[in-house]
Amino acid sequence: MLGDASNARRHRDQLLAREVVESFFAEVMALADKKGLLSKEHFSVDGTLDPILVEVRRKTQTATSAIDKRVTEGG
C-alpha cells in the first residue's frame, strides 16, 4: 500500500525520474553504438582491460556452457 497522497506523489516522482534517467542513458548508449564507440570487452575508466570483469565473464560463460551441456545430455 502506498499510504497517503503525498507518499503516492513521491513514489510517482521517483518512478518518473528513474524513467527519465533510463531513457536518457538508453539514448546515449544508442548514439555511442551508432558511432562505433562501444566495445564488447570490459574496460575500466582509464581504458585498460579490467581483469576482474574478464574473469567473471569467463567463469559465467564456463558455467553457462556446463549447464547447456547437462541440459543437452539430459542429465
C-alpha atoms as a PDB file:
ATOM      1  CA  MET A   1       0.000   0.000   0.000  1.00  0.00           C
ATOM      2  CA  LEU A   2       1.327   3.422  -0.909  1.00  0.00           C
ATOM      3  CA  GLY A   3      -0.150   5.322   2.047  1.00  0.00           C
ATOM      4  CA  ASP A   4      -1.323   8.914   1.827  1.00  0.00           C
ATOM      5  CA  ALA A   5      -1.451  11.083  -1.289  1.00  0.00           C
ATOM      6  CA  SER A   6       1.889  12.814  -0.617  1.00  0.00           C
ATOM      7  CA  ASN A   7       3.574   9.437  -0.329  1.00  0.00           C
ATOM      8  CA  ALA A   8       1.980   8.336  -3.607  1.00  0.00           C
ATOM      9  CA  ARG A   9       3.200  11.545  -5.288  1.00  0.00           C
ATOM     10  CA  ARG A  10       6.733  10.957  -4.005  1.00  0.00           C
ATOM     11  CA  HIS A  11       6.701   7.403  -5.367  1.00  0.00           C
ATOM     12  CA  ARG A  12       5.340   8.639  -8.703  1.00  0.00           C
ATOM     13  CA  ASP A  13       8.011  11.346  -8.886  1.00  0.00           C
ATOM     14  CA  GLN A  14      10.747   8.802  -8.132  1.00  0.00           C
ATOM     15  CA  LEU A  15       9.446   6.477 -10.840  1.00  0.00           C
ATOM     16  CA  LEU A  16       9.246   9.293 -13.379  1.00  0.00           C
ATOM     17  CA  ALA A  17      12.773  10.456 -12.521  1.00  0.00           C
ATOM     18  CA  ARG A  18      14.045   6.903 -12.952  1.00  0.00           C
ATOM     19  CA  GLU A  19      12.285   6.568 -16.309  1.00  0.00           C
ATOM     20  CA  VAL A  20      13.832   9.838 -17.497  1.00  0.00           C
ATOM     21  CA  VAL A  21      17.325   8.720 -16.446  1.00  0.00           C
ATOM     22  CA  GLU A  22      16.890   5.291 -18.050  1.00  0.00           C
ATOM     23  CA  SER A  23      15.576   6.841 -21.255  1.00  0.00           C
ATOM     24  CA  PHE A  24      18.445   9.335 -21.374  1.00  0.00           C
ATOM     25  CA  PHE A  25      21.011   6.591 -20.758  1.00  0.00           C
ATOM     26  CA  ALA A  26      19.456   4.418 -23.479  1.00  0.00           C
ATOM     27  CA  GLU A  27      19.692   7.312 -25.934  1.00  0.00           C
ATOM     28  CA  VAL A  28      23.330   7.978 -25.029  1.00  0.00           C
ATOM     29  CA  MET A  29      24.174   4.285 -25.435  1.00  0.00           C
ATOM     30  CA  ALA A  30      22.345   4.099 -28.773  1.00  0.00           C
ATOM     31  CA  LEU A  31      24.221   7.137 -30.053  1.00  0.00           C
ATOM     32  CA  ALA A  32      27.570   5.749 -28.866  1.00  0.00           C
ATOM     33  CA  ASP A  33      26.770   2.400 -30.502  1.00  0.00           C
ATOM     34  CA  LYS A  34      25.769   4.092 -33.759  1.00  0.00           C
ATOM     35  CA  LYS A  35      29.101   5.944 -33.795  1.00  0.00           C
ATOM     36  CA  GLY A  36      31.036   2.751 -33.067  1.00  0.00           C
ATOM     37  CA  LEU A  37      32.203   3.923 -29.660  1.00  0.00           C
ATOM     38  CA  LEU A  38      31.182   0.814 -27.715  1.00  0.00           C
ATOM     39  CA  SER A  39      33.212  -2.318 -27.148  1.00  0.00           C
ATOM     40  CA  LYS A  40      32.155  -5.863 -26.339  1.00  0.00           C
ATOM     41  CA  GLU A  41      35.121  -6.132 -23.956  1.00  0.00           C
ATOM     42  CA  HIS A  42      35.209  -4.886 -20.366  1.00  0.00           C
ATOM     43  CA  PHE A  43      37.336  -1.806 -19.844  1.00  0.00           C
ATOM     44  CA  SER A  44      37.945   0.327 -16.790  1.00  0.00           C
ATOM     45  CA  VAL A  45      37.667   4.109 -16.738  1.00  0.00           C
ATOM     46  CA  ASP A  46      41.299   4.581 -17.723  1.00  0.00           C
ATOM     47  CA  GLY A  47      40.813   2.385 -20.804  1.00  0.00           C
ATOM     48  CA  THR A  48      42.674  -0.691 -19.613  1.00  0.00           C
ATOM     49  CA  LEU A  49      41.151  -4.125 -19.649  1.00  0.00           C
ATOM     50  CA  ASP A  50      39.631  -4.866 -16.238  1.00  0.00           C
ATOM     51  CA  PRO A  51      40.937  -8.336 -15.314  1.00  0.00           C
ATOM     52  CA  ILE A  52      38.297  -8.936 -12.641  1.00  0.00           C
ATOM     53  CA  LEU A  53      35.415  -8.386 -15.045  1.00  0.00           C
ATOM     54  CA  VAL A  54      37.133 -10.507 -17.670  1.00  0.00           C
ATOM     55  CA  GLU A  55      37.470 -13.342 -15.142  1.00  0.00           C
ATOM     56  CA  VAL A  56      33.806 -13.029 -14.107  1.00  0.00           C
ATOM     57  CA  ARG A  57      32.806 -13.120 -17.763  1.00  0.00           C
ATOM     58  CA  ARG A  58      34.943 -16.213 -18.389  1.00  0.00           C
ATOM     59  CA  LYS A  59      33.517 -18.047 -15.368  1.00  0.00           C
ATOM     60  CA  THR A  60      29.970 -17.107 -16.341  1.00  0.00           C
ATOM     61  CA  GLN A  61      30.488 -18.429 -19.865  1.00  0.00           C
ATOM     62  CA  THR A  62      32.051 -21.642 -18.494  1.00  0.00           C
ATOM     63  CA  ALA A  63      29.142 -22.178 -16.088  1.00  0.00           C
ATOM     64  CA  THR A  64      26.598 -21.478 -18.818  1.00  0.00           C
ATOM     65  CA  SER A  65      28.321 -23.958 -21.131  1.00  0.00           C
ATOM     66  CA  ALA A  66      28.283 -26.620 -18.411  1.00  0.00           C
ATOM     67  CA  ILE A  67      24.560 -26.074 -17.787  1.00  0.00           C
ATOM     68  CA  ASP A  68      23.815 -26.178 -21.518  1.00  0.00           C
ATOM     69  CA  LYS A  69      25.802 -29.412 -21.818  1.00  0.00           C
ATOM     70  CA  ARG A  70      23.857 -31.028 -18.953  1.00  0.00           C
ATOM     71  CA  VAL A  71      20.528 -29.954 -20.425  1.00  0.00           C
ATOM     72  CA  THR A  72      21.514 -31.234 -23.886  1.00  0.00           C
ATOM     73  CA  GLU A  73      22.698 -34.552 -22.495  1.00  0.00           C
ATOM     74  CA  GLY A  74      19.541 -34.864 -20.415  1.00  0.00           C
ATOM     75  CA  GLY A  75      21.286 -35.090 -17.082  1.00  0.00           C
END
